Protein backbone atom coordinates (compact mmCIF):
# COMPACT_ATOMS: atom_id res chain seq x y z
CA UNK A 1 -21.75 -54.05 14.70
CA UNK A 2 -17.99 -53.70 14.24
CA UNK A 3 -18.73 -52.47 10.62
CA UNK A 4 -21.06 -49.75 11.81
CA UNK A 5 -18.35 -48.72 14.28
CA UNK A 6 -15.44 -48.73 11.50
CA UNK A 7 -17.62 -46.84 9.33
CA UNK A 8 -18.38 -44.14 12.01
CA UNK A 9 -14.94 -44.26 13.10
CA UNK A 10 -13.94 -43.38 9.46
CA UNK A 11 -16.49 -40.89 9.29
CA UNK A 12 -15.17 -39.31 12.45
CA UNK A 13 -11.70 -38.93 10.83
CA UNK A 14 -13.23 -37.29 7.57
CA UNK A 15 -14.94 -34.82 10.15
CA UNK A 16 -11.98 -34.33 11.89
CA UNK A 17 -9.91 -33.71 8.73
CA UNK A 18 -12.70 -31.14 7.37
CA UNK A 19 -12.70 -29.18 10.61
CA UNK A 20 -8.62 -29.14 10.26
CA UNK A 21 -8.98 -27.84 6.80
CA UNK A 22 -11.42 -25.47 7.65
CA UNK A 23 -9.60 -24.21 10.40
CA UNK A 24 -6.29 -24.01 8.54
CA UNK A 25 -8.08 -21.97 5.77
CA UNK A 26 -9.38 -19.55 8.41
CA UNK A 27 -5.71 -19.24 10.02
CA UNK A 28 -4.29 -18.53 6.58
CA UNK A 29 -6.91 -15.95 5.79
CA UNK A 30 -6.30 -14.19 9.32
CA UNK A 31 -2.35 -14.37 8.58
CA UNK A 32 -2.91 -12.98 5.17
CA UNK A 33 -4.86 -10.26 6.21
CA UNK A 34 -2.54 -9.20 9.16
CA UNK A 35 0.37 -9.35 6.46
CA UNK A 36 -1.68 -6.94 4.27
CA UNK A 37 -2.47 -4.43 7.21
CA UNK A 38 1.15 -4.48 8.38
CA UNK A 39 2.27 -3.46 4.73
CA UNK A 40 -0.42 -1.04 4.52
CA UNK A 41 0.63 0.45 8.08
CA UNK A 42 4.20 0.31 6.93
CA UNK A 43 3.68 2.25 3.61
CA UNK A 44 1.53 4.96 5.43
CA UNK A 45 4.24 5.36 8.01
CA UNK A 46 6.93 5.57 5.13
CA UNK A 47 4.87 8.21 3.27
CA UNK A 48 4.50 10.08 6.38
CA UNK A 49 8.12 10.20 7.22
CA UNK A 50 9.09 11.01 3.66
CA UNK A 51 6.47 14.03 3.60
CA UNK A 52 7.82 15.09 6.98
CA UNK A 53 11.58 15.03 5.71
CA UNK A 54 10.88 16.77 2.64
CA UNK A 55 9.03 19.69 4.24
CA UNK A 56 11.85 19.89 7.01
CA UNK A 57 14.34 20.12 3.85
CA UNK A 58 12.48 22.92 2.12
CA UNK A 59 11.53 20.67 -0.83
CA UNK A 60 7.81 21.10 -0.49
CA UNK A 61 7.98 24.95 -0.49
CA UNK A 62 10.52 24.94 -3.03
CA UNK A 63 8.14 22.79 -5.27
CA UNK A 64 5.19 24.76 -4.46
CA UNK A 65 6.74 28.03 -5.67
CA UNK A 66 7.98 26.49 -8.71
CA UNK A 67 4.58 25.28 -9.72
CA UNK A 68 3.23 28.77 -9.14
CA UNK A 69 5.69 30.06 -11.50
CA UNK A 70 4.91 27.44 -14.17
CA UNK A 71 1.13 27.99 -13.75
CA UNK A 72 1.70 31.97 -14.18
CA UNK A 73 3.69 31.28 -17.16
CA UNK A 74 1.01 29.60 -19.00
CA UNK A 75 -2.52 30.97 -20.15
CA UNK A 76 -5.48 29.33 -18.47
CA UNK A 77 -6.57 28.20 -21.88
CA UNK A 78 -3.22 25.99 -22.22
CA UNK A 79 -3.43 24.75 -18.55
CA UNK A 80 -3.49 20.88 -18.73
CA UNK A 81 -2.89 19.05 -15.58
CA UNK A 82 -1.23 16.17 -17.24
CA UNK A 83 1.05 18.35 -19.07
CA UNK A 84 1.78 20.38 -15.95
CA UNK A 85 2.78 17.15 -14.04
CA UNK A 86 4.93 16.13 -17.00
CA UNK A 87 6.75 19.53 -16.98
CA UNK A 88 7.06 19.82 -13.06
CA UNK A 89 8.00 16.03 -12.40
CA UNK A 90 11.58 16.08 -13.48
CA UNK A 91 12.52 18.90 -11.50
CA UNK A 92 10.86 17.75 -8.42
CA UNK A 93 12.54 14.33 -8.68
CA UNK A 94 15.96 16.19 -8.98
CA UNK A 95 15.42 18.64 -6.34
CA UNK A 96 15.04 15.75 -3.66
CA UNK A 97 17.90 16.05 -1.24
CA UNK A 98 20.43 13.33 -1.20
CA UNK A 99 19.88 12.68 2.42
CA UNK A 100 16.37 11.70 1.91
């Protein structure tokens, strides 16, 4: 009788440990998911802030005008998006105002 009681008590500890591990795993998943969501929200907020500040500084319009100029100077047969990006990228980076 004592042996059965000891075995069931030991089994109860294993059950408790199993529940604790499951709860810990669930908690860790929730925390990880929350951290990812916060990071995604922060990235989105930073992108929106950057876009707004670039527009306010006139960078967006300047780059749109420059892109139009570059495209006008190329024939449609030689228009390649990746080459266009390569050509425009250095100027777009250097045109970002220092305050941004």
